[in-house]
């Protein structure tokens, strides 16, 4: 998606998490086997494409292909695994998260509008 990296190793997740003390992270947990996740993916892709600049780092976790990374995210954040799931992490804390049909362009704009310029 739009040049956003996917986290394939638990060590990559650990590095991305540590970096949240410097810059927030928008993480998207995506299932390539789920139509609801495909819809959320499209909503997120459109929102990111419309942003002229983002004040957050972005990353993906493909939950089926990279189950250990997905599990590590849930454990580190103390957040029940769902997919699709969008999670904004700042300074190691969850600032906002949504799952399933709650991941919409308008919800992203409402909750993450301060983190982008359009």
Protein backbone atom coordinates (compact mmCIF):
# COMPACT_ATOMS: atom_id res chain seq x y z
CA UNK A 1 0.00 0.00 0.00
CA UNK A 2 1.25 3.41 -1.01
CA UNK A 3 4.80 2.66 0.06
CA UNK A 4 3.91 1.90 3.68
CA UNK A 5 6.13 -0.79 5.16
CA UNK A 6 4.83 -4.02 6.57
CA UNK A 7 6.32 -5.34 9.78
CA UNK A 8 7.46 -8.90 9.14
CA UNK A 9 9.56 -9.50 12.25
CA UNK A 10 8.84 -9.02 15.94
CA UNK A 11 12.08 -7.02 16.12
CA UNK A 12 10.71 -4.60 13.52
CA UNK A 13 7.61 -4.11 15.66
CA UNK A 14 9.80 -3.52 18.73
CA UNK A 15 11.75 -0.85 16.83
CA UNK A 16 8.58 0.81 15.53
CA UNK A 17 7.12 0.81 19.04
CA UNK A 18 10.26 2.37 20.55
CA UNK A 19 10.20 5.05 17.85
CA UNK A 20 6.77 6.21 19.09
CA UNK A 21 8.58 8.21 21.77
CA UNK A 22 9.89 10.38 18.91
CA UNK A 23 6.98 10.27 16.44
CA UNK A 24 3.50 8.71 16.62
CA UNK A 25 2.78 5.49 14.72
CA UNK A 26 -0.39 4.58 12.87
CA UNK A 27 -0.46 0.80 12.68
CA UNK A 28 -2.95 -1.11 10.54
CA UNK A 29 -3.52 -4.81 11.23
CA UNK A 30 -4.85 -6.28 8.01
CA UNK A 31 -6.19 -9.69 7.02
CA UNK A 32 -5.78 -10.45 3.33
CA UNK A 33 -8.55 -13.07 3.69
CA UNK A 34 -11.29 -10.81 5.05
CA UNK A 35 -13.62 -8.60 2.97
CA UNK A 36 -14.22 -6.28 5.93
CA UNK A 37 -10.46 -5.79 6.20
CA UNK A 38 -10.27 -5.09 2.47
CA UNK A 39 -12.85 -2.33 2.88
CA UNK A 40 -10.99 -0.79 5.83
CA UNK A 41 -7.75 -1.02 3.85
CA UNK A 42 -9.36 0.98 1.03
CA UNK A 43 -10.65 3.61 3.47
CA UNK A 44 -7.19 3.99 5.01
CA UNK A 45 -5.46 4.04 1.61
CA UNK A 46 -7.77 6.79 0.37
CA UNK A 47 -7.26 8.83 3.55
CA UNK A 48 -3.48 8.53 3.30
CA UNK A 49 -3.49 9.33 -0.42
CA UNK A 50 -5.45 12.54 0.26
CA UNK A 51 -2.98 13.73 2.90
CA UNK A 52 -0.34 16.09 1.57
CA UNK A 53 1.79 15.27 4.61
CA UNK A 54 1.49 12.96 7.58
CA UNK A 55 2.80 13.76 11.04
CA UNK A 56 2.85 10.05 11.94
CA UNK A 57 4.79 7.05 10.78
CA UNK A 58 2.65 4.30 9.25
CA UNK A 59 3.09 0.55 9.16
CA UNK A 60 1.11 -2.61 8.38
CA UNK A 61 0.93 -5.99 9.97
CA UNK A 62 -0.52 -8.71 7.76
CA UNK A 63 -2.10 -10.78 10.52
CA UNK A 64 -2.34 -14.13 8.72
CA UNK A 65 1.14 -14.06 7.20
CA UNK A 66 2.86 -12.47 10.22
CA UNK A 67 0.97 -13.92 13.20
CA UNK A 68 3.92 -13.58 15.65
CA UNK A 69 4.13 -9.84 14.92
CA UNK A 70 0.38 -9.43 15.31
CA UNK A 71 0.50 -11.28 18.63
CA UNK A 72 3.44 -9.15 19.81
CA UNK A 73 1.48 -5.97 19.05
CA UNK A 74 -1.45 -7.21 21.14
CA UNK A 75 0.81 -8.15 24.05
CA UNK A 76 2.91 -4.97 23.96
CA UNK A 77 -0.11 -2.67 23.80
CA UNK A 78 -2.39 -4.75 26.00
CA UNK A 79 -5.02 -4.50 23.28
CA UNK A 80 -7.19 -7.41 22.18
CA UNK A 81 -6.34 -8.53 18.65
CA UNK A 82 -8.86 -7.64 15.99
CA UNK A 83 -8.60 -7.36 12.25
CA UNK A 84 -8.88 -5.09 10.63
CA UNK A 85 -7.58 -2.82 13.34
CA UNK A 86 -6.15 0.71 13.19
CA UNK A 87 -4.07 1.80 16.16
CA UNK A 88 -2.43 5.17 16.82
CA UNK A 89 0.44 4.87 19.30
CA UNK A 90 2.21 7.90 20.77
CA UNK A 91 4.94 7.66 23.39
CA UNK A 92 4.15 3.99 23.89
CA UNK A 93 0.45 4.56 24.62
CA UNK A 94 -2.63 3.96 22.51
CA UNK A 95 -4.11 7.33 21.58
CA UNK A 96 -6.89 5.94 19.39
CA UNK A 97 -7.92 2.64 17.89
CA UNK A 98 -10.76 1.28 15.82
CA UNK A 99 -11.67 -2.00 14.23
CA UNK A 100 -13.88 -3.50 11.56
CA UNK A 101 -16.54 -1.14 10.15
CA UNK A 102 -15.37 1.70 12.41
CA UNK A 103 -12.33 2.23 10.19
CA UNK A 104 -13.74 4.73 7.73
CA UNK A 105 -12.39 7.76 5.94
CA UNK A 106 -14.51 10.07 8.09
CA UNK A 107 -13.44 8.35 11.34
CA UNK A 108 -9.80 8.65 10.33
CA UNK A 109 -10.33 12.33 9.53
CA UNK A 110 -12.11 12.91 12.84
CA UNK A 111 -9.56 11.17 15.04
CA UNK A 112 -6.35 11.70 13.10
CA UNK A 113 -6.98 15.07 11.47
CA UNK A 114 -4.38 16.70 13.75
CA UNK A 115 -1.78 14.28 12.42
CA UNK A 116 -2.03 15.19 8.74
CA UNK A 117 -2.32 18.06 6.33
CA UNK A 118 -4.61 17.90 3.33
